[in-house]
Amino acid sequence: MNIFLVILLYVFLFIIDGYPVMKGYKKCSPLSYLIIFFTAFSLSILTSLRIKVPSPAKGIENIILFIIGK
């Protein structure tokens, strides 16, 4: 049931927000929009299946510390 609701929500969001991007009404790259949209969709499906998704916070922290040199 949760998966059905997630899919229904993302279909609704794509119709409302994604369709204007694909048709060129909004100034946004369709490829970047699709990558972000399907990444969020995949993570939502995994979460609704109760699969633990690791947090990217530690990786981001390591990258920032590497860049600033601490």
C-alpha atoms as a PDB file:
ATOM      1  CA  MET A   1       0.000   0.000   0.000  1.00  0.00           C
ATOM      2  CA  ASN A   2       2.831   2.420   0.837  1.00  0.00           C
ATOM      3  CA  ILE A   3       4.537   1.795  -2.491  1.00  0.00           C
ATOM      4  CA  PHE A   4       1.310   2.559  -4.326  1.00  0.00           C
ATOM      5  CA  LEU A   5       0.981   5.882  -2.487  1.00  0.00           C
ATOM      6  CA  VAL A   6       4.603   6.805  -3.220  1.00  0.00           C
ATOM      7  CA  ILE A   7       4.170   6.019  -6.918  1.00  0.00           C
ATOM      8  CA  LEU A   8       0.895   7.942  -7.038  1.00  0.00           C
ATOM      9  CA  LEU A   9       2.502  10.943  -5.337  1.00  0.00           C
ATOM     10  CA  TYR A  10       5.462  10.974  -7.725  1.00  0.00           C
ATOM     11  CA  VAL A  11       3.207  10.655 -10.776  1.00  0.00           C
ATOM     12  CA  PHE A  12       1.237  13.644  -9.488  1.00  0.00           C
ATOM     13  CA  LEU A  13       4.450  15.603  -8.837  1.00  0.00           C
ATOM     14  CA  PHE A  14       5.792  14.793 -12.290  1.00  0.00           C
ATOM     15  CA  ILE A  15       2.579  15.963 -13.950  1.00  0.00           C
ATOM     16  CA  ILE A  16       2.545  19.205 -11.964  1.00  0.00           C
ATOM     17  CA  ASP A  17       6.263  20.015 -12.002  1.00  0.00           C
ATOM     18  CA  GLY A  18       8.007  17.768 -14.522  1.00  0.00           C
ATOM     19  CA  TYR A  19       5.780  18.263 -17.532  1.00  0.00           C
ATOM     20  CA  PRO A  20       6.535  22.018 -17.841  1.00  0.00           C
ATOM     21  CA  VAL A  21      10.262  21.253 -17.565  1.00  0.00           C
ATOM     22  CA  MET A  22      10.073  18.635 -20.323  1.00  0.00           C
ATOM     23  CA  LYS A  23       8.053  20.926 -22.600  1.00  0.00           C
ATOM     24  CA  GLY A  24      10.502  23.795 -22.110  1.00  0.00           C
ATOM     25  CA  TYR A  25       8.161  26.134 -20.246  1.00  0.00           C
ATOM     26  CA  LYS A  26      10.576  26.316 -17.328  1.00  0.00           C
ATOM     27  CA  LYS A  27      14.246  27.188 -17.695  1.00  0.00           C
ATOM     28  CA  CYS A  28      15.777  24.062 -16.252  1.00  0.00           C
ATOM     29  CA  SER A  29      17.760  21.250 -17.777  1.00  0.00           C
ATOM     30  CA  PRO A  30      15.443  18.260 -18.316  1.00  0.00           C
ATOM     31  CA  LEU A  31      18.338  15.837 -17.799  1.00  0.00           C
ATOM     32  CA  SER A  32      19.313  17.284 -14.425  1.00  0.00           C
ATOM     33  CA  TYR A  33      15.645  17.381 -13.405  1.00  0.00           C
ATOM     34  CA  LEU A  34      15.175  13.710 -14.342  1.00  0.00           C
ATOM     35  CA  ILE A  35      18.318  12.623 -12.495  1.00  0.00           C
ATOM     36  CA  ILE A  36      17.262  14.375  -9.284  1.00  0.00           C
ATOM     37  CA  PHE A  37      13.626  13.273  -9.660  1.00  0.00           C
ATOM     38  CA  PHE A  38      14.412   9.586 -10.169  1.00  0.00           C
ATOM     39  CA  THR A  39      17.022   9.608  -7.402  1.00  0.00           C
ATOM     40  CA  ALA A  40      14.417  10.966  -4.991  1.00  0.00           C
ATOM     41  CA  PHE A  41      11.855   8.490  -6.334  1.00  0.00           C
ATOM     42  CA  SER A  42      14.230   5.552  -5.834  1.00  0.00           C
ATOM     43  CA  LEU A  43      15.079   6.625  -2.294  1.00  0.00           C
ATOM     44  CA  SER A  44      11.388   7.020  -1.481  1.00  0.00           C
ATOM     45  CA  ILE A  45      10.607   3.530  -2.786  1.00  0.00           C
ATOM     46  CA  LEU A  46      13.465   2.050  -0.746  1.00  0.00           C
ATOM     47  CA  THR A  47      12.270   3.881   2.360  1.00  0.00           C
ATOM     48  CA  SER A  48       8.698   2.669   1.855  1.00  0.00           C
ATOM     49  CA  LEU A  49      10.043  -0.899   1.600  1.00  0.00           C
ATOM     50  CA  ARG A  50      11.724  -0.311   4.987  1.00  0.00           C
ATOM     51  CA  ILE A  51      15.212  -0.682   3.531  1.00  0.00           C
ATOM     52  CA  LYS A  52      17.780   1.353   5.439  1.00  0.00           C
ATOM     53  CA  VAL A  53      19.292   4.029   3.222  1.00  0.00           C
ATOM     54  CA  PRO A  54      22.668   5.256   4.492  1.00  0.00           C
ATOM     55  CA  SER A  55      23.047   8.932   5.264  1.00  0.00           C
ATOM     56  CA  PRO A  56      25.464  10.825   3.008  1.00  0.00           C
ATOM     57  CA  ALA A  57      26.422  13.179   5.864  1.00  0.00           C
ATOM     58  CA  LYS A  58      29.682  11.395   6.787  1.00  0.00           C
ATOM     59  CA  GLY A  59      30.849  11.288   3.169  1.00  0.00           C
ATOM     60  CA  ILE A  60      30.073  14.968   2.669  1.00  0.00           C
ATOM     61  CA  GLU A  61      31.917  15.789   5.883  1.00  0.00           C
ATOM     62  CA  ASN A  62      34.998  13.869   4.693  1.00  0.00           C
ATOM     63  CA  ILE A  63      34.966  15.662   1.324  1.00  0.00           C
ATOM     64  CA  ILE A  64      34.699  19.082   2.971  1.00  0.00           C
ATOM     65  CA  LEU A  65      37.494  18.281   5.420  1.00  0.00           C
ATOM     66  CA  PHE A  66      39.664  17.098   2.513  1.00  0.00           C
ATOM     67  CA  ILE A  67      39.012  20.319   0.577  1.00  0.00           C
ATOM     68  CA  ILE A  68      39.710  22.695   3.455  1.00  0.00           C
ATOM     69  CA  GLY A  69      42.677  20.632   4.595  1.00  0.00           C
ATOM     70  CA  LYS A  70      41.857  19.801   8.203  1.00  0.00           C
END
